[in-house]
Amino acid sequence: MKNRNKLLALLAPEDYALLEPALEQIDLPQGFVLSAPGEPFEYCYFPFCGVVSTVVVSPSGKRSEIGLLGREGVSPASVALGASDTPYFVVMQVPGHGVRVPIKHMWKLIEKSPGIRRLLTQWAHVAMSQSSFTALSNAIHSVDERLARWILMCHDRVDGDEIDLTHEFLAIMLSVRRPSVTVALHVLEGKHLVNSHRGTVVVRDRQALEKFAADSYGGSEREYDRLFGASGKTHFKAAG
């Protein structure tokens, strides 16, 4: 099985040999729910492509995205911490495919292999780091800058420059109303950074988009680089 997930690719051969017999290939269509609040985990997912979104829902039903991952990670992020469920929705934002492992089998391998345990614990740290930087960005950056950050994060995890992102989901990502998304997209389009049409965002100038996002983008990416080696679009595409 050709592996396009970076965490799996980073496993030592003897650790991957323990895991490989249990890997099951799976399509991950848009809207596919990997886990839901209060429901026991059934599988551990390693995406090969696509974008997975972690969404928190308030008691009144308002939603906000607190994290995302792609081929560089695994869901649930807390698998190495012994958690059996989550307070969040984890759902496919951009369709893809990957492999999954029964969660109980994954826990056994984590107990058996220090290498697997260390790698997945480091990933949990990166996921928490990303949520922290998201909270910081929500507090100090403009909607335009935050939109640039999320587009860059999605762009890191897809092939090519076209990303399937509806205004509705962008509003969830940014915790704003849809009209604010429209205004922010017009700002980025006016600067020739992206094009937007029919639920699709196309990145036109990645370097300029990073410059516009300023320090809203790059914090959790640097932490990933520190632990796992270079992140960024080229490296995610080359994973495995």
C-alpha atoms as a PDB file:
ATOM      1  CA  MET A   1       0.000   0.000   0.000  1.00  0.00           C
ATOM      2  CA  LYS A   2       1.514   3.329  -1.044  1.00  0.00           C
ATOM      3  CA  ASN A   3       1.572   5.588   1.980  1.00  0.00           C
ATOM      4  CA  ARG A   4       0.817   9.292   1.557  1.00  0.00           C
ATOM      5  CA  ASN A   5       0.339  10.134   5.219  1.00  0.00           C
ATOM      6  CA  LYS A   6       3.374  11.833   6.720  1.00  0.00           C
ATOM      7  CA  LEU A   7       2.997  10.424  10.230  1.00  0.00           C
ATOM      8  CA  LEU A   8       2.843   6.891   8.882  1.00  0.00           C
ATOM      9  CA  ALA A   9       5.845   7.635   6.684  1.00  0.00           C
ATOM     10  CA  LEU A  10       7.797   8.787   9.750  1.00  0.00           C
ATOM     11  CA  LEU A  11       7.295   5.504  11.598  1.00  0.00           C
ATOM     12  CA  ALA A  12      10.305   3.226  11.901  1.00  0.00           C
ATOM     13  CA  PRO A  13       9.975   0.173   9.608  1.00  0.00           C
ATOM     14  CA  GLU A  14       9.427  -2.159  12.557  1.00  0.00           C
ATOM     15  CA  ASP A  15       6.641   0.062  13.916  1.00  0.00           C
ATOM     16  CA  TYR A  16       4.954   0.410  10.532  1.00  0.00           C
ATOM     17  CA  ALA A  17       5.099  -3.380  10.169  1.00  0.00           C
ATOM     18  CA  LEU A  18       3.074  -3.675  13.383  1.00  0.00           C
ATOM     19  CA  LEU A  19       0.443  -1.279  12.077  1.00  0.00           C
ATOM     20  CA  GLU A  20       0.190  -2.168   8.390  1.00  0.00           C
ATOM     21  CA  PRO A  21      -1.877  -5.400   8.688  1.00  0.00           C
ATOM     22  CA  ALA A  22      -4.673  -3.459  10.404  1.00  0.00           C
ATOM     23  CA  LEU A  23      -4.821  -0.579   7.897  1.00  0.00           C
ATOM     24  CA  GLU A  24      -8.121  -0.390   6.007  1.00  0.00           C
ATOM     25  CA  GLN A  25      -8.460   1.877   2.977  1.00  0.00           C
ATOM     26  CA  ILE A  26     -11.424   4.244   3.097  1.00  0.00           C
ATOM     27  CA  ASP A  27     -12.967   6.998   0.993  1.00  0.00           C
ATOM     28  CA  LEU A  28     -13.600  10.196   2.942  1.00  0.00           C
ATOM     29  CA  PRO A  29     -16.348  12.188   1.160  1.00  0.00           C
ATOM     30  CA  GLN A  30     -17.180  15.771   2.066  1.00  0.00           C
ATOM     31  CA  GLY A  31     -19.316  15.809   5.210  1.00  0.00           C
ATOM     32  CA  PHE A  32     -18.128  12.391   6.421  1.00  0.00           C
ATOM     33  CA  VAL A  33     -18.128  12.424  10.238  1.00  0.00           C
ATOM     34  CA  LEU A  34     -15.001  10.889  11.753  1.00  0.00           C
ATOM     35  CA  SER A  35     -16.215  11.446  15.307  1.00  0.00           C
ATOM     36  CA  ALA A  36     -19.061  13.228  17.085  1.00  0.00           C
ATOM     37  CA  PRO A  37     -19.534  14.639  20.605  1.00  0.00           C
ATOM     38  CA  GLY A  38     -20.068  12.001  23.254  1.00  0.00           C
ATOM     39  CA  GLU A  39     -19.834   9.055  20.848  1.00  0.00           C
ATOM     40  CA  PRO A  40     -17.081   6.500  21.496  1.00  0.00           C
ATOM     41  CA  PHE A  41     -14.216   6.511  19.014  1.00  0.00           C
ATOM     42  CA  GLU A  42     -14.393   3.578  16.632  1.00  0.00           C
ATOM     43  CA  TYR A  43     -11.436   4.217  14.342  1.00  0.00           C
ATOM     44  CA  CYS A  44      -8.198   6.121  14.087  1.00  0.00           C
ATOM     45  CA  TYR A  45      -7.959   7.867  10.684  1.00  0.00           C
ATOM     46  CA  PHE A  46      -4.808   8.666   8.701  1.00  0.00           C
ATOM     47  CA  PRO A  47      -5.799  10.858   5.710  1.00  0.00           C
ATOM     48  CA  PHE A  48      -3.843  10.556   2.457  1.00  0.00           C
ATOM     49  CA  CYS A  49      -5.580  13.591   0.982  1.00  0.00           C
ATOM     50  CA  GLY A  50      -8.428  15.938   1.858  1.00  0.00           C
ATOM     51  CA  VAL A  51      -8.950  18.302   4.785  1.00  0.00           C
ATOM     52  CA  VAL A  52     -10.444  17.291   8.141  1.00  0.00           C
ATOM     53  CA  SER A  53     -12.104  19.972  10.262  1.00  0.00           C
ATOM     54  CA  THR A  54     -12.612  19.989  14.033  1.00  0.00           C
ATOM     55  CA  VAL A  55     -15.712  21.994  14.969  1.00  0.00           C
ATOM     56  CA  VAL A  56     -16.950  22.946  18.424  1.00  0.00           C
ATOM     57  CA  VAL A  57     -20.670  23.642  18.923  1.00  0.00           C
ATOM     58  CA  SER A  58     -22.060  25.909  21.645  1.00  0.00           C
ATOM     59  CA  PRO A  59     -25.157  24.954  23.699  1.00  0.00           C
ATOM     60  CA  SER A  60     -27.140  27.389  21.530  1.00  0.00           C
ATOM     61  CA  GLY A  61     -25.972  25.658  18.341  1.00  0.00           C
ATOM     62  CA  LYS A  62     -23.363  28.145  17.145  1.00  0.00           C
ATOM     63  CA  ARG A  63     -20.334  26.540  15.499  1.00  0.00           C
ATOM     64  CA  SER A  64     -16.677  27.426  15.226  1.00  0.00           C
ATOM     65  CA  GLU A  65     -13.751  25.564  13.707  1.00  0.00           C
ATOM     66  CA  ILE A  66     -10.843  25.123  16.110  1.00  0.00           C
ATOM     67  CA  GLY A  67      -8.488  23.026  14.020  1.00  0.00           C
ATOM     68  CA  LEU A  68      -7.847  21.162  10.811  1.00  0.00           C
ATOM     69  CA  LEU A  69      -5.553  18.463   9.532  1.00  0.00           C
ATOM     70  CA  GLY A  70      -4.702  16.585   6.373  1.00  0.00           C
ATOM     71  CA  ARG A  71      -2.096  14.086   5.281  1.00  0.00           C
ATOM     72  CA  GLU A  72       0.316  15.379   7.908  1.00  0.00           C
ATOM     73  CA  GLY A  73      -1.717  14.064  10.844  1.00  0.00           C
ATOM     74  CA  VAL A  74      -4.135  11.626  12.425  1.00  0.00           C
ATOM     75  CA  SER A  75      -7.622  11.822  13.922  1.00  0.00           C
ATOM     76  CA  PRO A  76      -8.428  11.653  16.770  1.00  0.00           C
ATOM     77  CA  ALA A  77      -5.461  13.716  17.895  1.00  0.00           C
ATOM     78  CA  SER A  78      -6.010  12.458  21.438  1.00  0.00           C
ATOM     79  CA  VAL A  79      -5.558   8.794  20.509  1.00  0.00           C
ATOM     80  CA  ALA A  80      -2.224   8.587  22.354  1.00  0.00           C
ATOM     81  CA  LEU A  81      -3.695  10.240  25.450  1.00  0.00           C
ATOM     82  CA  GLY A  82      -6.195   7.470  26.137  1.00  0.00           C
ATOM     83  CA  ALA A  83      -9.324   9.512  25.377  1.00  0.00           C
ATOM     84  CA  SER A  84     -12.313   7.391  24.385  1.00  0.00           C
ATOM     85  CA  ASP A  85     -14.504  10.166  22.946  1.00  0.00           C
ATOM     86  CA  THR A  86     -14.496  13.877  22.098  1.00  0.00           C
ATOM     87  CA  PRO A  87     -16.582  17.010  22.749  1.00  0.00           C
ATOM     88  CA  TYR A  88     -16.112  18.057  19.101  1.00  0.00           C
ATOM     89  CA  PHE A  89     -17.409  17.209  15.655  1.00  0.00           C
ATOM     90  CA  VAL A  90     -14.614  16.011  13.391  1.00  0.00           C
ATOM     91  CA  VAL A  91     -15.762  16.092   9.774  1.00  0.00           C
ATOM     92  CA  MET A  92     -14.339  16.050   6.247  1.00  0.00           C
ATOM     93  CA  GLN A  93     -14.293  19.605   4.936  1.00  0.00           C
ATOM     94  CA  VAL A  94     -12.534  18.796   1.645  1.00  0.00           C
ATOM     95  CA  PRO A  95     -13.109  15.228   0.369  1.00  0.00           C
ATOM     96  CA  GLY A  96     -10.278  12.749   0.201  1.00  0.00           C
ATOM     97  CA  HIS A  97      -9.280   9.239   1.151  1.00  0.00           C
ATOM     98  CA  GLY A  98      -6.932   7.472   3.528  1.00  0.00           C
ATOM     99  CA  VAL A  99      -6.691   4.522   5.880  1.00  0.00           C
ATOM    100  CA  ARG A 100      -8.154   3.740   9.267  1.00  0.00           C
ATOM    101  CA  VAL A 101      -7.403   1.400  12.164  1.00  0.00           C
ATOM    102  CA  PRO A 102      -9.847   0.187  14.848  1.00  0.00           C
ATOM    103  CA  ILE A 103      -9.258   2.412  17.859  1.00  0.00           C
ATOM    104  CA  LYS A 104      -8.901  -0.501  20.304  1.00  0.00           C
ATOM    105  CA  HIS A 105      -6.194  -2.024  18.121  1.00  0.00           C
ATOM    106  CA  MET A 106      -4.455   1.358  17.933  1.00  0.00           C
ATOM    107  CA  TRP A 107      -4.416   1.620  21.724  1.00  0.00           C
ATOM    108  CA  LYS A 108      -2.772  -1.816  21.961  1.00  0.00           C
ATOM    109  CA  LEU A 109      -0.065  -0.764  19.516  1.00  0.00           C
ATOM    110  CA  ILE A 110       0.510   2.476  21.437  1.00  0.00           C
ATOM    111  CA  GLU A 111       1.093   0.427  24.598  1.00  0.00           C
ATOM    112  CA  LYS A 112       3.351  -2.007  22.761  1.00  0.00           C
ATOM    113  CA  SER A 113       5.492   0.391  20.726  1.00  0.00           C
ATOM    114  CA  PRO A 114       7.350   3.369  22.264  1.00  0.00           C
ATOM    115  CA  GLY A 115       7.950   4.703  18.742  1.00  0.00           C
ATOM    116  CA  ILE A 116       4.256   4.796  17.841  1.00  0.00           C
ATOM    117  CA  ARG A 117       3.386   6.249  21.245  1.00  0.00           C
ATOM    118  CA  ARG A 118       5.994   9.008  20.953  1.00  0.00           C
ATOM    119  CA  LEU A 119       4.960  10.005  17.421  1.00  0.00           C
ATOM    120  CA  LEU A 120       1.256  10.205  18.241  1.00  0.00           C
ATOM    121  CA  THR A 121       1.897  12.072  21.487  1.00  0.00           C
ATOM    122  CA  GLN A 122       3.925  14.635  19.546  1.00  0.00           C
ATOM    123  CA  TRP A 123       1.060  14.969  17.086  1.00  0.00           C
ATOM    124  CA  ALA A 124      -1.367  15.628  19.968  1.00  0.00           C
ATOM    125  CA  HIS A 125       0.969  18.430  21.064  1.00  0.00           C
ATOM    126  CA  VAL A 126       0.932  19.952  17.566  1.00  0.00           C
ATOM    127  CA  ALA A 127      -2.878  19.771  17.411  1.00  0.00           C
ATOM    128  CA  MET A 128      -3.157  21.585  20.749  1.00  0.00           C
ATOM    129  CA  SER A 129      -0.647  24.141  19.500  1.00  0.00           C
ATOM    130  CA  GLN A 130      -2.769  24.786  16.421  1.00  0.00           C
ATOM    131  CA  SER A 131      -5.878  25.349  18.559  1.00  0.00           C
ATOM    132  CA  SER A 132      -3.919  27.789  20.734  1.00  0.00           C
ATOM    133  CA  PHE A 133      -2.763  29.803  17.739  1.00  0.00           C
ATOM    134  CA  THR A 134      -6.328  29.803  16.401  1.00  0.00           C
ATOM    135  CA  ALA A 135      -7.560  31.288  19.685  1.00  0.00           C
ATOM    136  CA  LEU A 136      -4.811  33.913  19.508  1.00  0.00           C
ATOM    137  CA  SER A 137      -5.627  34.765  15.901  1.00  0.00           C
ATOM    138  CA  ASN A 138      -9.340  35.093  16.668  1.00  0.00           C
ATOM    139  CA  ALA A 139      -8.446  37.603  19.382  1.00  0.00           C
ATOM    140  CA  ILE A 140      -5.902  39.835  17.641  1.00  0.00           C
ATOM    141  CA  HIS A 141      -6.198  39.557  13.855  1.00  0.00           C
ATOM    142  CA  SER A 142      -8.672  41.036  11.397  1.00  0.00           C
ATOM    143  CA  VAL A 143     -11.190  38.866   9.563  1.00  0.00           C
ATOM    144  CA  ASP A 144      -9.209  39.427   6.345  1.00  0.00           C
ATOM    145  CA  GLU A 145      -5.983  38.150   7.949  1.00  0.00           C
ATOM    146  CA  ARG A 146      -7.734  35.197   9.561  1.00  0.00           C
ATOM    147  CA  LEU A 147      -9.306  34.247   6.238  1.00  0.00           C
ATOM    148  CA  ALA A 148      -5.870  34.376   4.614  1.00  0.00           C
ATOM    149  CA  ARG A 149      -4.555  32.093   7.382  1.00  0.00           C
ATOM    150  CA  TRP A 150      -7.274  29.471   6.914  1.00  0.00           C
ATOM    151  CA  ILE A 151      -6.904  29.494   3.139  1.00  0.00           C
ATOM    152  CA  LEU A 152      -3.154  28.960   3.534  1.00  0.00           C
ATOM    153  CA  MET A 153      -3.741  26.106   5.978  1.00  0.00           C
ATOM    154  CA  CYS A 154      -6.158  24.423   3.571  1.00  0.00           C
ATOM    155  CA  HIS A 155      -3.808  25.081   0.645  1.00  0.00           C
ATOM    156  CA  ASP A 156      -1.047  23.283   2.576  1.00  0.00           C
ATOM    157  CA  ARG A 157      -3.169  20.151   2.574  1.00  0.00           C
ATOM    158  CA  VAL A 158      -4.574  19.877  -0.960  1.00  0.00           C
ATOM    159  CA  ASP A 159      -3.103  19.085  -4.359  1.00  0.00           C
ATOM    160  CA  GLY A 160      -3.004  22.094  -6.654  1.00  0.00           C
ATOM    161  CA  ASP A 161      -4.290  25.596  -5.978  1.00  0.00           C
ATOM    162  CA  GLU A 162      -8.060  24.997  -6.032  1.00  0.00           C
ATOM    163  CA  ILE A 163      -9.858  24.472  -2.723  1.00  0.00           C
ATOM    164  CA  ASP A 164     -13.537  23.557  -2.314  1.00  0.00           C
ATOM    165  CA  LEU A 165     -14.634  26.020   0.385  1.00  0.00           C
ATOM    166  CA  THR A 166     -18.196  27.314   0.603  1.00  0.00           C
ATOM    167  CA  HIS A 167     -19.042  30.668   2.178  1.00  0.00           C
ATOM    168  CA  GLU A 168     -21.021  28.786   4.821  1.00  0.00           C
ATOM    169  CA  PHE A 169     -18.019  26.774   5.926  1.00  0.00           C
ATOM    170  CA  LEU A 170     -15.703  29.771   5.749  1.00  0.00           C
ATOM    171  CA  ALA A 171     -18.101  31.514   8.135  1.00  0.00           C
ATOM    172  CA  ILE A 172     -17.788  28.571  10.547  1.00  0.00           C
ATOM    173  CA  MET A 173     -14.010  28.599  10.201  1.00  0.00           C
ATOM    174  CA  LEU A 174     -13.831  32.281  11.077  1.00  0.00           C
ATOM    175  CA  SER A 175     -16.726  32.452  13.569  1.00  0.00           C
ATOM    176  CA  VAL A 176     -18.347  35.278  11.599  1.00  0.00           C
ATOM    177  CA  ARG A 177     -21.496  35.816   9.539  1.00  0.00           C
ATOM    178  CA  ARG A 178     -21.499  35.011   5.830  1.00  0.00           C
ATOM    179  CA  PRO A 179     -21.594  38.683   4.736  1.00  0.00           C
ATOM    180  CA  SER A 180     -18.277  39.181   6.563  1.00  0.00           C
ATOM    181  CA  VAL A 181     -16.811  36.281   4.575  1.00  0.00           C
ATOM    182  CA  THR A 182     -17.958  37.878   1.323  1.00  0.00           C
ATOM    183  CA  VAL A 183     -16.330  41.184   2.256  1.00  0.00           C
ATOM    184  CA  ALA A 184     -13.066  39.495   3.297  1.00  0.00           C
ATOM    185  CA  LEU A 185     -12.928  37.446   0.092  1.00  0.00           C
ATOM    186  CA  HIS A 186     -13.428  40.615  -1.939  1.00  0.00           C
ATOM    187  CA  VAL A 187     -10.448  42.140  -0.126  1.00  0.00           C
ATOM    188  CA  LEU A 188      -8.228  39.166  -1.010  1.00  0.00           C
ATOM    189  CA  GLU A 189      -9.514  39.126  -4.581  1.00  0.00           C
ATOM    190  CA  GLY A 190      -8.916  42.849  -4.911  1.00  0.00           C
ATOM    191  CA  LYS A 191      -5.282  42.271  -3.982  1.00  0.00           C
ATOM    192  CA  HIS A 192      -5.082  39.457  -6.590  1.00  0.00           C
ATOM    193  CA  LEU A 193      -4.282  36.879  -3.910  1.00  0.00           C
ATOM    194  CA  VAL A 194      -7.197  34.514  -4.619  1.00  0.00           C
ATOM    195  CA  ASN A 195     -10.146  33.974  -6.912  1.00  0.00           C
ATOM    196  CA  SER A 196     -13.493  32.821  -5.536  1.00  0.00           C
ATOM    197  CA  HIS A 197     -16.388  31.306  -7.463  1.00  0.00           C
ATOM    198  CA  ARG A 198     -19.164  28.749  -6.832  1.00  0.00           C
ATOM    199  CA  GLY A 199     -17.854  27.374  -3.555  1.00  0.00           C
ATOM    200  CA  THR A 200     -14.268  27.256  -4.744  1.00  0.00           C
ATOM    201  CA  VAL A 201     -11.270  29.349  -3.728  1.00  0.00           C
ATOM    202  CA  VAL A 202      -8.244  29.410  -6.029  1.00  0.00           C
ATOM    203  CA  VAL A 203      -4.919  30.593  -4.633  1.00  0.00           C
ATOM    204  CA  ARG A 204      -3.293  32.920  -7.175  1.00  0.00           C
ATOM    205  CA  ASP A 205      -0.216  34.154  -5.313  1.00  0.00           C
ATOM    206  CA  ARG A 206       0.841  31.989  -2.362  1.00  0.00           C
ATOM    207  CA  GLN A 207       3.825  34.152  -1.408  1.00  0.00           C
ATOM    208  CA  ALA A 208       1.784  37.346  -1.364  1.00  0.00           C
ATOM    209  CA  LEU A 209      -1.008  35.613   0.574  1.00  0.00           C
ATOM    210  CA  GLU A 210       1.495  34.593   3.264  1.00  0.00           C
ATOM    211  CA  LYS A 211       2.758  38.167   3.426  1.00  0.00           C
ATOM    212  CA  PHE A 212      -0.800  39.462   3.820  1.00  0.00           C
ATOM    213  CA  ALA A 213      -1.566  36.917   6.564  1.00  0.00           C
ATOM    214  CA  ALA A 214       1.521  38.188   8.426  1.00  0.00           C
ATOM    215  CA  ASP A 215       1.983  36.543  11.842  1.00  0.00           C
ATOM    216  CA  SER A 216      -1.490  34.994  11.856  1.00  0.00           C
ATOM    217  CA  TYR A 217      -0.013  32.064   9.892  1.00  0.00           C
ATOM    218  CA  GLY A 218       3.014  29.948  10.716  1.00  0.00           C
ATOM    219  CA  GLY A 219       2.970  29.388  14.479  1.00  0.00           C
ATOM    220  CA  SER A 220       1.694  25.810  14.587  1.00  0.00           C
ATOM    221  CA  GLU A 221       3.439  25.084  11.277  1.00  0.00           C
ATOM    222  CA  ARG A 222       6.793  25.929  12.871  1.00  0.00           C
ATOM    223  CA  GLU A 223       5.978  23.655  15.802  1.00  0.00           C
ATOM    224  CA  TYR A 224       5.190  20.827  13.378  1.00  0.00           C
ATOM    225  CA  ASP A 225       8.488  21.489  11.597  1.00  0.00           C
ATOM    226  CA  ARG A 226      10.372  21.385  14.886  1.00  0.00           C
ATOM    227  CA  LEU A 227       9.014  17.962  15.788  1.00  0.00           C
ATOM    228  CA  PHE A 228       8.538  16.262  12.434  1.00  0.00           C
ATOM    229  CA  GLY A 229      10.567  18.121   9.825  1.00  0.00           C
ATOM    230  CA  ALA A 230       9.497  20.680   7.243  1.00  0.00           C
ATOM    231  CA  SER A 231       5.782  21.215   6.729  1.00  0.00           C
ATOM    232  CA  GLY A 232       4.400  23.494   4.045  1.00  0.00           C
ATOM    233  CA  LYS A 233       2.678  22.608   0.812  1.00  0.00           C
ATOM    234  CA  THR A 234       5.577  20.977  -1.009  1.00  0.00           C
ATOM    235  CA  HIS A 235       6.400  18.714   1.918  1.00  0.00           C
ATOM    236  CA  PHE A 236       2.798  17.700   2.615  1.00  0.00           C
ATOM    237  CA  LYS A 237       2.429  16.745  -1.069  1.00  0.00           C
ATOM    238  CA  ALA A 238       5.598  14.666  -0.875  1.00  0.00           C
ATOM    239  CA  ALA A 239       4.659  12.846   2.324  1.00  0.00           C
ATOM    240  CA  GLY A 240       5.380   9.144   2.073  1.00  0.00           C
END
